[in-house]
Structures are given as structure tokens and as C-alpha cells.
Amino acid sequence: MTENTTPAQEKSVDTRSVLKDLQTRYPVFRDFSPLAIGIDKQLFAALPDLSRKTVRLAMRSHTMTTRYLKEMEKGTQRLNLDGSPAGDVTDENRQHASELLKERFKKQAEQRKAAEQAARAESRKQEKLLALTEKFGRK
């Protein structure tokens, strides 16, 4: 850890670099394919130098991306690290991914709406201040 980074920042950088490495090494990560259940065990065996915590954080980060959830929503087959089939994506898995995406998109729409309302309110405030300045300002 350097002088200017906190443990949380270092962990986040490690997770991102691990995820980038996984995407470089394994097409199933690069393509955001539905992953085999228990793929973390395959990763621990293939990359024993990585900590379990780092791998799990990277996996969590990967499997919660919008792109991965979209692939799960439409996917039919789960894949191992080598790309071989590892079981089916169940209707329950697809439904769960779909619900997470709906919640995410709804939250993003609400945030956009709130930001737009705040921007309009700020604009009205500035217009009122300008009008008051023009009305009562010294000439």
C-alpha cells in the first residue's frame, strides 16, 4: 500500500486488476458468459496464488455487471473456465437476473429524474436571483 492509498482503494484496485486478468485469460469472462456454479473452485485451482477473498470480490463484481446479468437473462448454458458446458441456466436464474436488471434500471431512472428536478430547481433559483438583482440592484 502506498502512502496515498487507503486499504479500501488498494482492495478495489486489486479486484479490478484480477478481473481484467481473468477477462484476458478466459473467454467466458471476456464474453460475460453465464458461469458454472462453483467456478470459483476452478479459479482457485488454476490460480492458487490469488487470495480467496480477492477472487470472490472479483467474481461478485463480474456477476453483478449489467452485461453479465443481460447474458444470464437470455442464456441457456453455463460454462466452465475452458468454455465447456457446465449445466443449464434455469428459469429461476433468468428470472433473478431479470429482476435485478429491472431494479437497477428503475433506480437509474429515478436518479436521473431527481437530478433533472434538482437542475430545474437550481435554474429557477438562479433566474429568481437574477430578477431580484435586476430589480433591486444599484444602477
C-alpha atoms as a PDB file:
ATOM      1  CA  MET A   1       0.000   0.000   0.000  1.00  0.00           C
ATOM      2  CA  THR A   2       1.375   3.406  -0.913  1.00  0.00           C
ATOM      3  CA  GLU A   3       1.238   6.468   1.314  1.00  0.00           C
ATOM      4  CA  ASN A   4      -1.715   7.946  -0.581  1.00  0.00           C
ATOM      5  CA  THR A   5      -3.983   4.889  -0.835  1.00  0.00           C
ATOM      6  CA  THR A   6      -6.347   3.513   1.735  1.00  0.00           C
ATOM      7  CA  PRO A   7      -6.854  -0.245   2.229  1.00  0.00           C
ATOM      8  CA  ALA A   8     -10.265   0.083   0.539  1.00  0.00           C
ATOM      9  CA  GLN A   9      -8.705   1.729  -2.524  1.00  0.00           C
ATOM     10  CA  GLU A  10      -5.984  -0.930  -2.702  1.00  0.00           C
ATOM     11  CA  LYS A  11      -8.561  -3.747  -2.453  1.00  0.00           C
ATOM     12  CA  SER A  12     -10.632  -2.140  -5.199  1.00  0.00           C
ATOM     13  CA  VAL A  13      -7.599  -1.825  -7.489  1.00  0.00           C
ATOM     14  CA  ASP A  14      -6.628  -5.452  -6.804  1.00  0.00           C
ATOM     15  CA  THR A  15     -10.149  -6.637  -7.594  1.00  0.00           C
ATOM     16  CA  ARG A  16     -10.234  -4.674 -10.840  1.00  0.00           C
ATOM     17  CA  SER A  17      -6.810  -5.917 -11.921  1.00  0.00           C
ATOM     18  CA  VAL A  18      -7.767  -9.514 -11.079  1.00  0.00           C
ATOM     19  CA  LEU A  19     -10.966  -9.140 -13.088  1.00  0.00           C
ATOM     20  CA  LYS A  20      -9.056  -7.690 -16.050  1.00  0.00           C
ATOM     21  CA  ASP A  21      -6.618 -10.606 -15.817  1.00  0.00           C
ATOM     22  CA  LEU A  22      -9.489 -13.107 -15.765  1.00  0.00           C
ATOM     23  CA  GLN A  23     -11.042 -11.434 -18.806  1.00  0.00           C
ATOM     24  CA  THR A  24      -7.701 -11.653 -20.615  1.00  0.00           C
ATOM     25  CA  ARG A  25      -7.121 -15.315 -19.719  1.00  0.00           C
ATOM     26  CA  TYR A  26     -10.636 -16.737 -20.067  1.00  0.00           C
ATOM     27  CA  PRO A  27     -13.116 -16.039 -22.880  1.00  0.00           C
ATOM     28  CA  VAL A  28     -16.043 -16.913 -20.562  1.00  0.00           C
ATOM     29  CA  PHE A  29     -15.168 -13.814 -18.503  1.00  0.00           C
ATOM     30  CA  ARG A  30     -14.395 -11.638 -21.518  1.00  0.00           C
ATOM     31  CA  ASP A  31     -17.708 -12.592 -23.180  1.00  0.00           C
ATOM     32  CA  PHE A  32     -19.664 -12.331 -19.895  1.00  0.00           C
ATOM     33  CA  SER A  33     -20.998 -15.859 -20.462  1.00  0.00           C
ATOM     34  CA  PRO A  34     -23.109 -17.459 -17.725  1.00  0.00           C
ATOM     35  CA  LEU A  35     -20.550 -19.085 -15.432  1.00  0.00           C
ATOM     36  CA  ALA A  36     -20.616 -22.596 -13.995  1.00  0.00           C
ATOM     37  CA  ILE A  37     -21.840 -22.925 -10.450  1.00  0.00           C
ATOM     38  CA  GLY A  38     -18.710 -23.302  -8.326  1.00  0.00           C
ATOM     39  CA  ILE A  39     -16.413 -21.755 -10.930  1.00  0.00           C
ATOM     40  CA  ASP A  40     -14.562 -20.097  -8.060  1.00  0.00           C
ATOM     41  CA  LYS A  41     -13.149 -23.547  -7.173  1.00  0.00           C
ATOM     42  CA  GLN A  42     -11.846 -23.861 -10.739  1.00  0.00           C
ATOM     43  CA  LEU A  43     -10.249 -20.432 -10.388  1.00  0.00           C
ATOM     44  CA  PHE A  44      -8.618 -21.324  -7.054  1.00  0.00           C
ATOM     45  CA  ALA A  45      -7.146 -24.458  -8.672  1.00  0.00           C
ATOM     46  CA  ALA A  46      -5.975 -22.590 -11.793  1.00  0.00           C
ATOM     47  CA  LEU A  47      -4.628 -19.553  -9.919  1.00  0.00           C
ATOM     48  CA  PRO A  48      -3.543 -20.722  -6.461  1.00  0.00           C
ATOM     49  CA  ASP A  49      -1.540 -17.537  -5.800  1.00  0.00           C
ATOM     50  CA  LEU A  50      -4.732 -15.441  -5.612  1.00  0.00           C
ATOM     51  CA  SER A  51      -6.472 -14.982  -2.283  1.00  0.00           C
ATOM     52  CA  ARG A  52      -9.948 -16.416  -1.964  1.00  0.00           C
ATOM     53  CA  LYS A  53     -11.279 -13.061  -0.834  1.00  0.00           C
ATOM     54  CA  THR A  54      -9.885 -11.263  -3.886  1.00  0.00           C
ATOM     55  CA  VAL A  55     -11.278 -13.900  -6.253  1.00  0.00           C
ATOM     56  CA  ARG A  56     -14.687 -13.766  -4.596  1.00  0.00           C
ATOM     57  CA  LEU A  57     -14.755  -9.953  -4.754  1.00  0.00           C
ATOM     58  CA  ALA A  58     -13.772 -10.068  -8.431  1.00  0.00           C
ATOM     59  CA  MET A  59     -16.459 -12.689  -9.091  1.00  0.00           C
ATOM     60  CA  ARG A  60     -19.074 -10.580  -7.297  1.00  0.00           C
ATOM     61  CA  SER A  61     -18.059  -7.539  -9.282  1.00  0.00           C
ATOM     62  CA  HIS A  62     -18.240  -9.501 -12.550  1.00  0.00           C
ATOM     63  CA  THR A  63     -21.537 -11.261 -11.910  1.00  0.00           C
ATOM     64  CA  MET A  64     -23.294  -8.054 -10.875  1.00  0.00           C
ATOM     65  CA  THR A  65     -22.440  -6.149 -14.057  1.00  0.00           C
ATOM     66  CA  THR A  66     -25.309  -5.206 -16.317  1.00  0.00           C
ATOM     67  CA  ARG A  67     -23.687  -7.058 -19.209  1.00  0.00           C
ATOM     68  CA  TYR A  68     -23.388 -10.319 -17.234  1.00  0.00           C
ATOM     69  CA  LEU A  69     -26.972 -10.052 -15.966  1.00  0.00           C
ATOM     70  CA  LYS A  70     -28.210  -9.496 -19.538  1.00  0.00           C
ATOM     71  CA  GLU A  71     -26.315 -12.610 -20.665  1.00  0.00           C
ATOM     72  CA  MET A  72     -27.838 -14.588 -17.772  1.00  0.00           C
ATOM     73  CA  GLU A  73     -31.285 -13.296 -18.663  1.00  0.00           C
ATOM     74  CA  LYS A  74     -31.054 -14.678 -22.196  1.00  0.00           C
ATOM     75  CA  GLY A  75     -28.563 -17.516 -21.610  1.00  0.00           C
ATOM     76  CA  THR A  76     -29.326 -21.214 -21.732  1.00  0.00           C
ATOM     77  CA  GLN A  77     -25.962 -22.819 -20.906  1.00  0.00           C
ATOM     78  CA  ARG A  78     -23.486 -22.247 -18.081  1.00  0.00           C
ATOM     79  CA  LEU A  79     -19.805 -22.612 -18.946  1.00  0.00           C
ATOM     80  CA  ASN A  80     -16.607 -23.777 -17.232  1.00  0.00           C
ATOM     81  CA  LEU A  81     -13.362 -21.812 -17.443  1.00  0.00           C
ATOM     82  CA  ASP A  82     -12.388 -23.739 -20.572  1.00  0.00           C
ATOM     83  CA  GLY A  83     -15.720 -22.910 -22.234  1.00  0.00           C
ATOM     84  CA  SER A  84     -17.154 -26.407 -21.907  1.00  0.00           C
ATOM     85  CA  PRO A  85     -20.832 -26.739 -20.915  1.00  0.00           C
ATOM     86  CA  ALA A  86     -21.466 -26.933 -17.184  1.00  0.00           C
ATOM     87  CA  GLY A  87     -25.228 -27.157 -16.890  1.00  0.00           C
ATOM     88  CA  ASP A  88     -28.257 -25.155 -17.824  1.00  0.00           C
ATOM     89  CA  VAL A  89     -29.248 -21.649 -16.838  1.00  0.00           C
ATOM     90  CA  THR A  90     -32.553 -22.267 -15.063  1.00  0.00           C
ATOM     91  CA  ASP A  91     -35.711 -20.232 -15.470  1.00  0.00           C
ATOM     92  CA  GLU A  92     -35.194 -19.158 -11.866  1.00  0.00           C
ATOM     93  CA  ASN A  93     -31.685 -17.874 -12.726  1.00  0.00           C
ATOM     94  CA  ARG A  94     -33.041 -15.950 -15.705  1.00  0.00           C
ATOM     95  CA  GLN A  95     -35.880 -14.508 -13.621  1.00  0.00           C
ATOM     96  CA  HIS A  96     -33.463 -13.414 -10.876  1.00  0.00           C
ATOM     97  CA  ALA A  97     -31.208 -11.667 -13.432  1.00  0.00           C
ATOM     98  CA  SER A  98     -34.242 -10.006 -14.988  1.00  0.00           C
ATOM     99  CA  GLU A  99     -35.446  -8.716 -11.612  1.00  0.00           C
ATOM    100  CA  LEU A 100     -32.001  -7.336 -10.749  1.00  0.00           C
ATOM    101  CA  LEU A 101     -31.855  -5.535 -14.095  1.00  0.00           C
ATOM    102  CA  LYS A 102     -35.360  -4.083 -13.658  1.00  0.00           C
ATOM    103  CA  GLU A 103     -34.459  -2.812 -10.188  1.00  0.00           C
ATOM    104  CA  ARG A 104     -31.202  -1.336 -11.483  1.00  0.00           C
ATOM    105  CA  PHE A 105     -32.852   0.414 -14.437  1.00  0.00           C
ATOM    106  CA  LYS A 106     -35.665   1.710 -12.216  1.00  0.00           C
ATOM    107  CA  LYS A 107     -33.147   3.102  -9.722  1.00  0.00           C
ATOM    108  CA  GLN A 108     -31.142   4.737 -12.529  1.00  0.00           C
ATOM    109  CA  ALA A 109     -34.306   6.320 -13.959  1.00  0.00           C
ATOM    110  CA  GLU A 110     -35.236   7.641 -10.513  1.00  0.00           C
ATOM    111  CA  GLN A 111     -31.736   9.081 -10.063  1.00  0.00           C
ATOM    112  CA  ARG A 112     -31.890  10.751 -13.486  1.00  0.00           C
ATOM    113  CA  LYS A 113     -35.315  12.203 -12.674  1.00  0.00           C
ATOM    114  CA  ALA A 114     -34.101  13.520  -9.309  1.00  0.00           C
ATOM    115  CA  ALA A 115     -31.015  15.062 -10.950  1.00  0.00           C
ATOM    116  CA  GLU A 116     -33.184  16.731 -13.603  1.00  0.00           C
ATOM    117  CA  GLN A 117     -35.528  18.098 -10.929  1.00  0.00           C
ATOM    118  CA  ALA A 118     -32.578  19.430  -8.942  1.00  0.00           C
ATOM    119  CA  ALA A 119     -31.160  21.074 -12.068  1.00  0.00           C
ATOM    120  CA  ARG A 120     -34.541  22.698 -12.849  1.00  0.00           C
ATOM    121  CA  ALA A 121     -34.848  23.927  -9.255  1.00  0.00           C
ATOM    122  CA  GLU A 122     -31.342  25.399  -9.396  1.00  0.00           C
ATOM    123  CA  SER A 123     -32.141  27.064 -12.711  1.00  0.00           C
ATOM    124  CA  ARG A 124     -35.338  28.616 -11.269  1.00  0.00           C
ATOM    125  CA  LYS A 125     -33.364  29.793  -8.238  1.00  0.00           C
ATOM    126  CA  GLN A 126     -30.761  31.443 -10.467  1.00  0.00           C
ATOM    127  CA  GLU A 127     -33.478  33.098 -12.570  1.00  0.00           C
ATOM    128  CA  LYS A 128     -35.154  34.477  -9.428  1.00  0.00           C
ATOM    129  CA  LEU A 129     -31.831  35.767  -8.095  1.00  0.00           C
ATOM    130  CA  LEU A 130     -31.108  37.442 -11.416  1.00  0.00           C
ATOM    131  CA  ALA A 131     -34.578  39.039 -11.457  1.00  0.00           C
ATOM    132  CA  LEU A 132     -34.119  40.309  -7.886  1.00  0.00           C
ATOM    133  CA  THR A 133     -30.659  41.641  -8.724  1.00  0.00           C
ATOM    134  CA  GLU A 134     -32.057  43.482 -11.724  1.00  0.00           C
ATOM    135  CA  LYS A 135     -34.987  44.848  -9.700  1.00  0.00           C
ATOM    136  CA  PHE A 136     -33.123  45.909  -6.565  1.00  0.00           C
ATOM    137  CA  GLY A 137     -29.538  46.184  -7.738  1.00  0.00           C
ATOM    138  CA  ARG A 138     -27.747  49.544  -7.807  1.00  0.00           C
ATOM    139  CA  LYS A 139     -27.664  51.279 -11.089  1.00  0.00           C
END
